[in-house]
C-alpha atoms as a PDB file:
ATOM      1  CA  MET A   1      15.292  23.959  13.397  1.00  0.00           C
ATOM      2  CA  THR A   2      15.378  20.282  13.437  1.00  0.00           C
ATOM      3  CA  GLU A   3      11.231  19.047  12.508  1.00  0.00           C
ATOM      4  CA  ARG A   4       9.592  16.392  13.724  1.00  0.00           C
ATOM      5  CA  TYR A   5       8.174  13.407  12.241  1.00  0.00           C
ATOM      6  CA  ALA A   6       7.138   9.652  13.485  1.00  0.00           C
ATOM      7  CA  VAL A   7       5.298   6.656  12.831  1.00  0.00           C
ATOM      8  CA  ILE A   8       2.262   5.590  14.887  1.00  0.00           C
ATOM      9  CA  GLY A   9       1.183   2.239  15.450  1.00  0.00           C
ATOM     10  CA  ASN A  10       0.778  -0.668  18.136  1.00  0.00           C
ATOM     11  CA  PRO A  11       2.891  -2.626  17.518  1.00  0.00           C
ATOM     12  CA  ILE A  12       5.724  -0.521  16.322  1.00  0.00           C
ATOM     13  CA  ALA A  13       9.413  -1.487  16.997  1.00  0.00           C
ATOM     14  CA  HIS A  14       8.984  -3.616  13.757  1.00  0.00           C
ATOM     15  CA  SER A  15       8.883  -0.544  11.416  1.00  0.00           C
ATOM     16  CA  ARG A  16      11.549   0.339   8.832  1.00  0.00           C
ATOM     17  CA  SER A  17      10.141   4.091   8.421  1.00  0.00           C
ATOM     18  CA  PRO A  18      12.506   5.243  10.244  1.00  0.00           C
ATOM     19  CA  ALA A  19      15.541   3.869   8.574  1.00  0.00           C
ATOM     20  CA  ILE A  20      13.566   4.558   5.242  1.00  0.00           C
ATOM     21  CA  HIS A  21      13.086   8.474   6.289  1.00  0.00           C
ATOM     22  CA  ALA A  22      16.313   8.877   7.301  1.00  0.00           C
ATOM     23  CA  GLN A  23      17.814   7.847   4.142  1.00  0.00           C
ATOM     24  CA  PHE A  24      15.478  10.377   2.290  1.00  0.00           C
ATOM     25  CA  ALA A  25      16.938  13.002   4.911  1.00  0.00           C
ATOM     26  CA  ARG A  26      20.289  12.756   4.340  1.00  0.00           C
ATOM     27  CA  GLN A  27      19.918  12.398   0.212  1.00  0.00           C
ATOM     28  CA  THR A  28      18.052  15.381   0.063  1.00  0.00           C
ATOM     29  CA  GLY A  29      20.031  17.449   2.586  1.00  0.00           C
ATOM     30  CA  GLN A  30      16.221  17.651   4.954  1.00  0.00           C
ATOM     31  CA  ASP A  31      17.102  18.597   8.368  1.00  0.00           C
ATOM     32  CA  ILE A  32      14.215  16.459  10.213  1.00  0.00           C
ATOM     33  CA  SER A  33      14.397  13.854  12.994  1.00  0.00           C
ATOM     34  CA  TYR A  34      11.852  10.338  12.646  1.00  0.00           C
ATOM     35  CA  GLU A  35      10.730   8.530  15.235  1.00  0.00           C
ATOM     36  CA  ARG A  36       8.533   5.180  16.274  1.00  0.00           C
ATOM     37  CA  LEU A  37       5.356   6.036  17.946  1.00  0.00           C
ATOM     38  CA  LEU A  38       3.819   3.548  20.193  1.00  0.00           C
ATOM     39  CA  ALA A  39       0.244   4.684  20.759  1.00  0.00           C
ATOM     40  CA  PRO A  40      -2.233   3.057  23.754  1.00  0.00           C
ATOM     41  CA  LEU A  41      -4.982   0.834  21.162  1.00  0.00           C
ATOM     42  CA  ASP A  42      -7.393   2.924  23.057  1.00  0.00           C
ATOM     43  CA  GLY A  43      -4.995   6.460  23.143  1.00  0.00           C
ATOM     44  CA  PHE A  44      -4.540   6.998  19.679  1.00  0.00           C
ATOM     45  CA  VAL A  45      -6.053  10.818  19.459  1.00  0.00           C
ATOM     46  CA  ALA A  46      -4.208  11.935  23.185  1.00  0.00           C
ATOM     47  CA  THR A  47      -0.585  10.349  21.522  1.00  0.00           C
ATOM     48  CA  VAL A  48      -1.362  12.275  18.200  1.00  0.00           C
ATOM     49  CA  ASP A  49      -2.364  15.390  20.404  1.00  0.00           C
ATOM     50  CA  ALA A  50       0.700  15.188  22.655  1.00  0.00           C
ATOM     51  CA  PHE A  51       2.844  15.036  19.291  1.00  0.00           C
ATOM     52  CA  ARG A  52       1.218  17.997  17.506  1.00  0.00           C
ATOM     53  CA  ALA A  53       1.669  20.204  20.816  1.00  0.00           C
ATOM     54  CA  ALA A  54       5.444  19.402  20.835  1.00  0.00           C
ATOM     55  CA  GLY A  55       5.735  20.724  17.364  1.00  0.00           C
ATOM     56  CA  GLY A  56       5.379  17.443  15.662  1.00  0.00           C
ATOM     57  CA  ARG A  57       4.794  18.119  11.969  1.00  0.00           C
ATOM     58  CA  GLY A  58       3.849  14.938  10.240  1.00  0.00           C
ATOM     59  CA  LEU A  59       2.716  11.233  11.051  1.00  0.00           C
ATOM     60  CA  ASN A  60       2.935   7.872   8.762  1.00  0.00           C
ATOM     61  CA  VAL A  61      -0.115   5.320  10.365  1.00  0.00           C
ATOM     62  CA  THR A  62       0.000   2.091  10.270  1.00  0.00           C
ATOM     63  CA  VAL A  63      -2.237  -0.701  12.005  1.00  0.00           C
ATOM     64  CA  PRO A  64      -4.493  -0.239  13.751  1.00  0.00           C
ATOM     65  CA  PHE A  65      -5.373   3.266  13.412  1.00  0.00           C
ATOM     66  CA  LYS A  66      -5.589   3.828   9.629  1.00  0.00           C
ATOM     67  CA  LEU A  67      -9.163   4.603  10.176  1.00  0.00           C
ATOM     68  CA  GLN A  68      -8.680   6.883  13.464  1.00  0.00           C
ATOM     69  CA  ALA A  69      -6.469   8.893  11.944  1.00  0.00           C
ATOM     70  CA  PHE A  70      -9.364   9.051   8.351  1.00  0.00           C
ATOM     71  CA  ASP A  71     -11.394  10.686  11.503  1.00  0.00           C
ATOM     72  CA  TYR A  72      -8.757  12.403  13.257  1.00  0.00           C
ATOM     73  CA  ALA A  73      -8.172  14.430   9.509  1.00  0.00           C
ATOM     74  CA  GLN A  74      -9.728  18.019   8.992  1.00  0.00           C
ATOM     75  CA  ARG A  75      -9.010  18.029   5.232  1.00  0.00           C
ATOM     76  CA  ARG A  76      -8.621  14.632   3.205  1.00  0.00           C
ATOM     77  CA  SER A  77      -6.991  13.857  -1.297  1.00  0.00           C
ATOM     78  CA  ALA A  78      -9.332  12.000  -2.867  1.00  0.00           C
ATOM     79  CA  ARG A  79      -7.356   9.254  -2.734  1.00  0.00           C
ATOM     80  CA  ALA A  80      -7.688   9.196   0.967  1.00  0.00           C
ATOM     81  CA  GLN A  81     -11.348   9.838   0.504  1.00  0.00           C
ATOM     82  CA  ALA A  82     -11.664   7.369  -1.921  1.00  0.00           C
ATOM     83  CA  ALA A  83     -10.142   4.829   0.619  1.00  0.00           C
ATOM     84  CA  GLY A  84     -11.888   5.287   3.721  1.00  0.00           C
ATOM     85  CA  ALA A  85      -8.693   5.655   5.232  1.00  0.00           C
ATOM     86  CA  VAL A  86      -5.379   7.876   5.935  1.00  0.00           C
ATOM     87  CA  ASN A  87      -2.044   6.660   5.896  1.00  0.00           C
ATOM     88  CA  THR A  88      -0.367   9.719   6.248  1.00  0.00           C
ATOM     89  CA  LEU A  89      -1.084  13.358   7.869  1.00  0.00           C
ATOM     90  CA  ALA A  90       0.891  16.681   7.661  1.00  0.00           C
ATOM     91  CA  PHE A  91       0.002  19.545  10.688  1.00  0.00           C
ATOM     92  CA  ASP A  92       0.406  22.759   9.180  1.00  0.00           C
ATOM     93  CA  ALA A  93      -1.577  26.165   9.838  1.00  0.00           C
ATOM     94  CA  ASP A  94      -4.291  25.162   8.120  1.00  0.00           C
ATOM     95  CA  GLY A  95      -5.050  21.937  10.500  1.00  0.00           C
ATOM     96  CA  VAL A  96      -4.582  18.392   9.848  1.00  0.00           C
ATOM     97  CA  PHE A  97      -4.553  17.137   6.509  1.00  0.00           C
ATOM     98  CA  GLY A  98      -5.159  13.269   5.620  1.00  0.00           C
ATOM     99  CA  ASP A  99      -3.535  11.148   2.705  1.00  0.00           C
ATOM    100  CA  ASN A 100      -3.428   7.632   1.901  1.00  0.00           C
ATOM    101  CA  THR A 101       0.076   7.119  -0.480  1.00  0.00           C
ATOM    102  CA  ASP A 102      -0.253   3.456  -0.439  1.00  0.00           C
ATOM    103  CA  GLY A 103      -2.230   3.038  -4.245  1.00  0.00           C
ATOM    104  CA  VAL A 104       0.074   5.585  -5.613  1.00  0.00           C
ATOM    105  CA  GLY A 105       3.398   3.764  -3.872  1.00  0.00           C
ATOM    106  CA  MET A 106       2.285   0.563  -5.408  1.00  0.00           C
ATOM    107  CA  VAL A 107       1.400   1.845  -8.926  1.00  0.00           C
ATOM    108  CA  ARG A 108       4.827   3.415  -8.862  1.00  0.00           C
ATOM    109  CA  ASP A 109       6.233   0.324  -8.032  1.00  0.00           C
ATOM    110  CA  ILE A 110       4.715  -1.880 -11.077  1.00  0.00           C
ATOM    111  CA  SER A 111       4.962   1.035 -13.361  1.00  0.00           C
ATOM    112  CA  GLY A 112       8.693   2.484 -12.839  1.00  0.00           C
ATOM    113  CA  ARG A 113      10.855  -0.125 -10.588  1.00  0.00           C
ATOM    114  CA  LEU A 114       9.482  -3.034 -12.585  1.00  0.00           C
ATOM    115  CA  GLY A 115       8.495  -1.264 -15.401  1.00  0.00           C
ATOM    116  CA  VAL A 116       4.879  -2.489 -16.205  1.00  0.00           C
ATOM    117  CA  SER A 117       2.494  -0.507 -17.791  1.00  0.00           C
ATOM    118  CA  LEU A 118      -0.881  -0.480 -16.597  1.00  0.00           C
ATOM    119  CA  ALA A 119      -2.700   1.509 -18.836  1.00  0.00           C
ATOM    120  CA  GLY A 120      -4.749  -1.449 -20.622  1.00  0.00           C
ATOM    121  CA  CYS A 121      -4.187  -3.769 -17.763  1.00  0.00           C
ATOM    122  CA  ARG A 122      -7.044  -6.194 -16.715  1.00  0.00           C
ATOM    123  CA  VAL A 123      -6.462  -7.033 -12.837  1.00  0.00           C
ATOM    124  CA  LEU A 124      -7.640  -9.437 -10.382  1.00  0.00           C
ATOM    125  CA  LEU A 125      -7.438  -7.539  -7.078  1.00  0.00           C
ATOM    126  CA  ALA A 126      -7.337 -10.389  -4.883  1.00  0.00           C
ATOM    127  CA  GLY A 127      -9.069  -9.126  -0.980  1.00  0.00           C
ATOM    128  CA  ALA A 128     -11.478  -6.730  -0.087  1.00  0.00           C
ATOM    129  CA  GLY A 129      -9.577  -4.869   2.960  1.00  0.00           C
ATOM    130  CA  GLY A 130      -7.822  -2.004   3.865  1.00  0.00           C
ATOM    131  CA  ALA A 131      -5.060  -2.408   1.552  1.00  0.00           C
ATOM    132  CA  ALA A 132      -7.474  -3.291  -1.487  1.00  0.00           C
ATOM    133  CA  ARG A 133      -9.305  -0.100  -0.719  1.00  0.00           C
ATOM    134  CA  GLY A 134      -6.123   1.550  -0.257  1.00  0.00           C
ATOM    135  CA  VAL A 135      -4.690   0.865  -4.308  1.00  0.00           C
ATOM    136  CA  LEU A 136      -8.102   0.685  -6.007  1.00  0.00           C
ATOM    137  CA  LEU A 137      -8.310   4.727  -6.792  1.00  0.00           C
ATOM    138  CA  PRO A 138      -4.838   4.575  -7.785  1.00  0.00           C
ATOM    139  CA  LEU A 139      -4.977   1.781 -10.298  1.00  0.00           C
ATOM    140  CA  LEU A 140      -7.980   3.382 -11.779  1.00  0.00           C
ATOM    141  CA  GLU A 141      -5.801   6.534 -12.271  1.00  0.00           C
ATOM    142  CA  ALA A 142      -3.576   4.623 -14.381  1.00  0.00           C
ATOM    143  CA  GLY A 143      -5.776   3.402 -16.858  1.00  0.00           C
ATOM    144  CA  VAL A 144      -6.509  -0.322 -15.895  1.00  0.00           C
ATOM    145  CA  ALA A 145      -9.097  -1.888 -18.284  1.00  0.00           C
ATOM    146  CA  SER A 146     -10.808  -3.411 -16.026  1.00  0.00           C
ATOM    147  CA  LEU A 147     -10.520  -4.747 -12.399  1.00  0.00           C
ATOM    148  CA  LEU A 148     -11.800  -7.559 -10.688  1.00  0.00           C
ATOM    149  CA  ILE A 149     -12.152  -7.631  -7.089  1.00  0.00           C
ATOM    150  CA  ALA A 150     -12.350 -11.422  -5.099  1.00  0.00           C
ATOM    151  CA  ASN A 151     -13.018 -11.775  -1.883  1.00  0.00           C
ATOM    152  CA  ARG A 152     -13.428 -14.907   0.130  1.00  0.00           C
ATOM    153  CA  THR A 153     -16.586 -13.178   1.400  1.00  0.00           C
ATOM    154  CA  ALA A 154     -18.337 -12.133  -1.690  1.00  0.00           C
ATOM    155  CA  LYS A 155     -20.611  -9.649  -0.354  1.00  0.00           C
ATOM    156  CA  ARG A 156     -17.526  -7.592   0.797  1.00  0.00           C
ATOM    157  CA  ALA A 157     -16.038  -7.621  -2.526  1.00  0.00           C
ATOM    158  CA  LEU A 158     -19.180  -6.361  -4.233  1.00  0.00           C
ATOM    159  CA  GLU A 159     -19.824  -3.301  -2.062  1.00  0.00           C
ATOM    160  CA  LEU A 160     -15.916  -2.551  -2.417  1.00  0.00           C
ATOM    161  CA  ALA A 161     -16.843  -2.585  -6.398  1.00  0.00           C
ATOM    162  CA  ALA A 162     -19.809  -0.798  -5.642  1.00  0.00           C
ATOM    163  CA  HIS A 163     -17.949   1.806  -3.679  1.00  0.00           C
ATOM    164  CA  ALA A 164     -15.378   2.257  -6.233  1.00  0.00           C
ATOM    165  CA  GLY A 165     -18.372   3.914  -8.426  1.00  0.00           C
ATOM    166  CA  ASP A 166     -16.241   2.804 -12.044  1.00  0.00           C
ATOM    167  CA  SER A 167     -17.810   0.497 -15.000  1.00  0.00           C
ATOM    168  CA  ARG A 168     -14.792  -1.020 -14.958  1.00  0.00           C
ATOM    169  CA  VAL A 169     -14.878  -2.721 -11.564  1.00  0.00           C
ATOM    170  CA  ARG A 170     -16.366  -5.899 -10.807  1.00  0.00           C
ATOM    171  CA  GLY A 171     -16.487  -8.195  -7.519  1.00  0.00           C
ATOM    172  CA  CYS A 172     -16.776 -11.299  -6.464  1.00  0.00           C
ATOM    173  CA  GLY A 173     -16.192 -14.998  -4.813  1.00  0.00           C
ATOM    174  CA  PHE A 174     -12.405 -16.785  -4.519  1.00  0.00           C
ATOM    175  CA  ASP A 175     -15.144 -19.814  -5.995  1.00  0.00           C
ATOM    176  CA  ALA A 176     -16.298 -17.631  -9.145  1.00  0.00           C
ATOM    177  CA  LEU A 177     -13.627 -17.226 -10.717  1.00  0.00           C
ATOM    178  CA  GLY A 178     -13.107 -20.106 -12.307  1.00  0.00           C
ATOM    179  CA  ARG A 179     -16.530 -19.330 -14.482  1.00  0.00           C
ATOM    180  CA  GLU A 180     -14.767 -15.368 -14.753  1.00  0.00           C
ATOM    181  CA  ARG A 181     -11.285 -16.667 -16.132  1.00  0.00           C
ATOM    182  CA  ARG A 182     -12.984 -18.079 -19.064  1.00  0.00           C
ATOM    183  CA  VAL A 183     -14.472 -14.891 -19.792  1.00  0.00           C
ATOM    184  CA  THR A 184     -11.371 -12.546 -19.296  1.00  0.00           C
ATOM    185  CA  PRO A 185      -7.891 -13.598 -19.014  1.00  0.00           C
ATOM    186  CA  PHE A 186      -5.584 -11.340 -16.465  1.00  0.00           C
ATOM    187  CA  ASP A 187      -2.680  -9.540 -17.229  1.00  0.00           C
ATOM    188  CA  LEU A 188      -2.021  -8.766 -13.349  1.00  0.00           C
ATOM    189  CA  LEU A 189      -2.660 -10.526 -10.137  1.00  0.00           C
ATOM    190  CA  VAL A 190      -2.868  -8.234  -7.225  1.00  0.00           C
ATOM    191  CA  ASN A 191      -2.876 -10.121  -3.291  1.00  0.00           C
ATOM    192  CA  ALA A 192      -4.162  -7.608  -0.908  1.00  0.00           C
ATOM    193  CA  THR A 193      -4.518 -10.086   1.348  1.00  0.00           C
ATOM    194  CA  SER A 194      -2.382 -10.730   5.079  1.00  0.00           C
ATOM    195  CA  ALA A 195      -2.090 -14.066   3.946  1.00  0.00           C
ATOM    196  CA  GLY A 196       1.824 -14.104   2.410  1.00  0.00           C
ATOM    197  CA  LEU A 197       2.348 -13.204   5.921  1.00  0.00           C
ATOM    198  CA  ASP A 198       1.477 -16.799   7.622  1.00  0.00           C
ATOM    199  CA  ASP A 199       2.848 -18.120   4.324  1.00  0.00           C
ATOM    200  CA  ALA A 200      -0.285 -18.735   2.966  1.00  0.00           C
ATOM    201  CA  ALA A 201      -1.742 -18.160  -0.657  1.00  0.00           C
ATOM    202  CA  PRO A 202      -5.654 -16.400  -1.438  1.00  0.00           C
ATOM    203  CA  PRO A 203      -7.367 -19.423  -3.030  1.00  0.00           C
ATOM    204  CA  VAL A 204      -7.218 -17.961  -6.776  1.00  0.00           C
ATOM    205  CA  PRO A 205      -7.714 -20.813  -9.337  1.00  0.00           C
ATOM    206  CA  ASP A 206      -4.401 -21.509 -11.215  1.00  0.00           C
ATOM    207  CA  ALA A 207      -6.180 -21.024 -14.431  1.00  0.00           C
ATOM    208  CA  CYS A 208      -5.673 -16.862 -13.282  1.00  0.00           C
ATOM    209  CA  TYR A 209      -1.974 -17.183 -12.938  1.00  0.00           C
ATOM    210  CA  ARG A 210      -1.318 -18.409 -16.581  1.00  0.00           C
ATOM    211  CA  GLY A 211      -0.334 -15.847 -19.224  1.00  0.00           C
ATOM    212  CA  ALA A 212      -0.381 -12.844 -16.794  1.00  0.00           C
ATOM    213  CA  ARG A 213       2.573 -10.439 -16.971  1.00  0.00           C
ATOM    214  CA  LEU A 214       2.581 -10.010 -12.848  1.00  0.00           C
ATOM    215  CA  ALA A 215       1.643 -11.010  -9.651  1.00  0.00           C
ATOM    216  CA  TYR A 216       2.379  -8.865  -7.094  1.00  0.00           C
ATOM    217  CA  ASP A 217       2.082  -9.427  -3.678  1.00  0.00           C
ATOM    218  CA  MET A 218       1.528  -6.053  -0.733  1.00  0.00           C
ATOM    219  CA  VAL A 219       3.753  -8.248   1.624  1.00  0.00           C
ATOM    220  CA  TYR A 220       6.816  -8.736   1.755  1.00  0.00           C
ATOM    221  CA  GLY A 221       9.903 -10.384   3.787  1.00  0.00           C
ATOM    222  CA  PRO A 222      13.470 -12.269   2.694  1.00  0.00           C
ATOM    223  CA  ARG A 223      11.491 -14.409   0.877  1.00  0.00           C
ATOM    224  CA  PRO A 224       8.953 -15.117  -2.216  1.00  0.00           C
ATOM    225  CA  THR A 225       5.742 -15.830  -0.659  1.00  0.00           C
ATOM    226  CA  LEU A 226       3.713 -18.539  -1.741  1.00  0.00           C
ATOM    227  CA  PHE A 227       1.617 -16.623  -4.020  1.00  0.00           C
ATOM    228  CA  MET A 228       4.834 -15.709  -5.693  1.00  0.00           C
ATOM    229  CA  ARG A 229       6.418 -18.626  -5.812  1.00  0.00           C
ATOM    230  CA  ARG A 230       2.943 -20.290  -7.310  1.00  0.00           C
ATOM    231  CA  ALA A 231       2.426 -17.672  -9.481  1.00  0.00           C
ATOM    232  CA  ALA A 232       6.393 -18.722 -11.087  1.00  0.00           C
ATOM    233  CA  GLU A 233       5.578 -21.999 -10.891  1.00  0.00           C
ATOM    234  CA  LEU A 234       2.427 -21.698 -12.937  1.00  0.00           C
ATOM    235  CA  GLY A 235       4.086 -19.321 -15.954  1.00  0.00           C
ATOM    236  CA  CYS A 236       3.292 -15.981 -14.343  1.00  0.00           C
ATOM    237  CA  GLU A 237       5.935 -13.601 -16.589  1.00  0.00           C
ATOM    238  CA  ARG A 238       7.388 -11.564 -13.403  1.00  0.00           C
ATOM    239  CA  VAL A 239       6.229 -11.729  -9.610  1.00  0.00           C
ATOM    240  CA  SER A 240       7.253  -9.347  -6.703  1.00  0.00           C
ATOM    241  CA  ASP A 241       6.577  -8.236  -3.334  1.00  0.00           C
ATOM    242  CA  GLY A 242       5.208  -5.627  -1.625  1.00  0.00           C
ATOM    243  CA  LEU A 243       8.694  -3.786  -0.290  1.00  0.00           C
ATOM    244  CA  GLY A 244       9.371  -1.484  -3.360  1.00  0.00           C
ATOM    245  CA  MET A 245       5.943  -0.028  -2.493  1.00  0.00           C
ATOM    246  CA  LEU A 246       6.273   0.355   0.975  1.00  0.00           C
ATOM    247  CA  VAL A 247       9.319   2.517   0.356  1.00  0.00           C
ATOM    248  CA  GLU A 248       7.213   4.480  -2.506  1.00  0.00           C
ATOM    249  CA  GLN A 249       4.782   4.943  -0.368  1.00  0.00           C
ATOM    250  CA  ALA A 250       6.918   6.492   1.944  1.00  0.00           C
ATOM    251  CA  ALA A 251       8.338   8.794  -0.766  1.00  0.00           C
ATOM    252  CA  GLU A 252       5.252   9.736  -1.410  1.00  0.00           C
ATOM    253  CA  SER A 253       4.633  11.032   2.423  1.00  0.00           C
ATOM    254  CA  PHE A 254       8.278  12.645   2.746  1.00  0.00           C
ATOM    255  CA  HIS A 255       7.299  14.592  -0.566  1.00  0.00           C
ATOM    256  CA  LEU A 256       3.971  15.346   1.001  1.00  0.00           C
ATOM    257  CA  TRP A 257       6.243  16.715   4.171  1.00  0.00           C
ATOM    258  CA  ARG A 258       9.057  18.445   2.777  1.00  0.00           C
ATOM    259  CA  GLY A 259       8.003  19.207  -1.117  1.00  0.00           C
ATOM    260  CA  VAL A 260      11.078  17.236  -3.204  1.00  0.00           C
ATOM    261  CA  ARG A 261      10.944  13.685  -3.921  1.00  0.00           C
ATOM    262  CA  PRO A 262      13.619  11.280  -3.230  1.00  0.00           C
ATOM    263  CA  ALA A 263      15.518   8.637  -4.937  1.00  0.00           C
ATOM    264  CA  THR A 264      13.960   5.597  -4.381  1.00  0.00           C
ATOM    265  CA  ALA A 265      16.344   2.999  -6.156  1.00  0.00           C
ATOM    266  CA  PRO A 266      19.162   3.258  -3.494  1.00  0.00           C
ATOM    267  CA  VAL A 267      17.052   2.963  -0.481  1.00  0.00           C
ATOM    268  CA  LEU A 268      15.176  -0.125  -1.493  1.00  0.00           C
ATOM    269  CA  GLN A 269      18.330  -1.540  -3.120  1.00  0.00           C
ATOM    270  CA  ARG A 270      19.861  -1.014   1.039  1.00  0.00           C
ATOM    271  CA  LEU A 271      16.184  -1.988   2.854  1.00  0.00           C
ATOM    272  CA  ARG A 272      16.275  -5.700   0.264  1.00  0.00           C
ATOM    273  CA  ALA A 273      20.107  -6.396   1.372  1.00  0.00           C
ATOM    274  CA  GLU A 274      19.035  -5.579   5.432  1.00  0.00           C
ATOM    275  CA  ILE A 275      16.162  -7.694   5.100  1.00  0.00           C
ATOM    276  CA  ALA A 276      17.943 -10.391   3.372  1.00  0.00           C
ATOM    277  CA  GLY A 277      20.531 -10.622   6.243  1.00  0.00           C
ATOM    278  CA  ALA A 278      18.515 -10.339   9.053  1.00  0.00           C
END
């Protein structure tokens, strides 16, 4: 019997997850269906309950429901606990398991597709919201040497650094980055803010880009973001958007549900071509 999966959010019509998972299923010979679920802003639990009652086996969760998904899960992975948010739900005889695959998706994209080793990296993470929380533990587990969280509101960066409970992690406001850069250069810059969606960039001083091996923007689109363009102009060796992260986090969800790991390169290639031609 075909088993049901879906992505749930509000809005949800823009989601590329059904196309991604359809390609994964064809590639691995898995008999699944995958749909979009539009949940009312006040109806997440009811929508998920109905999906489970109808035989649904798992959900990807997007904005604005990742915190509610965290509460809904009865068991959670360590990375979901660290993020305080869940983007993947799996339903089985033991109940509801919650995971967060965003961070491991980014780490796999950086270390695999881009070939940048994270071991010993000095990282600047711009932003202290949910996206930053989701990648924090996977970056630390990948062996980064240091991780500085910078945010417009310094208090939030300091709180997230304290939450990490790791001596490699510190926090500061964007206004303090000029002083920080004179102390420690960065190998990797990650933009975990949503600025790229509005063709803006976080207020990172120009000096922070110079000498970096990679500038990585977690958002994606048909053209390079302002963050990526600025990094390239200032001499950063490589730049990337987050489309590979999207595909890799989906592959991690697929593996959690089906026990097989799909090849991501052909799916990413096709998705990139579709976005460029849109």
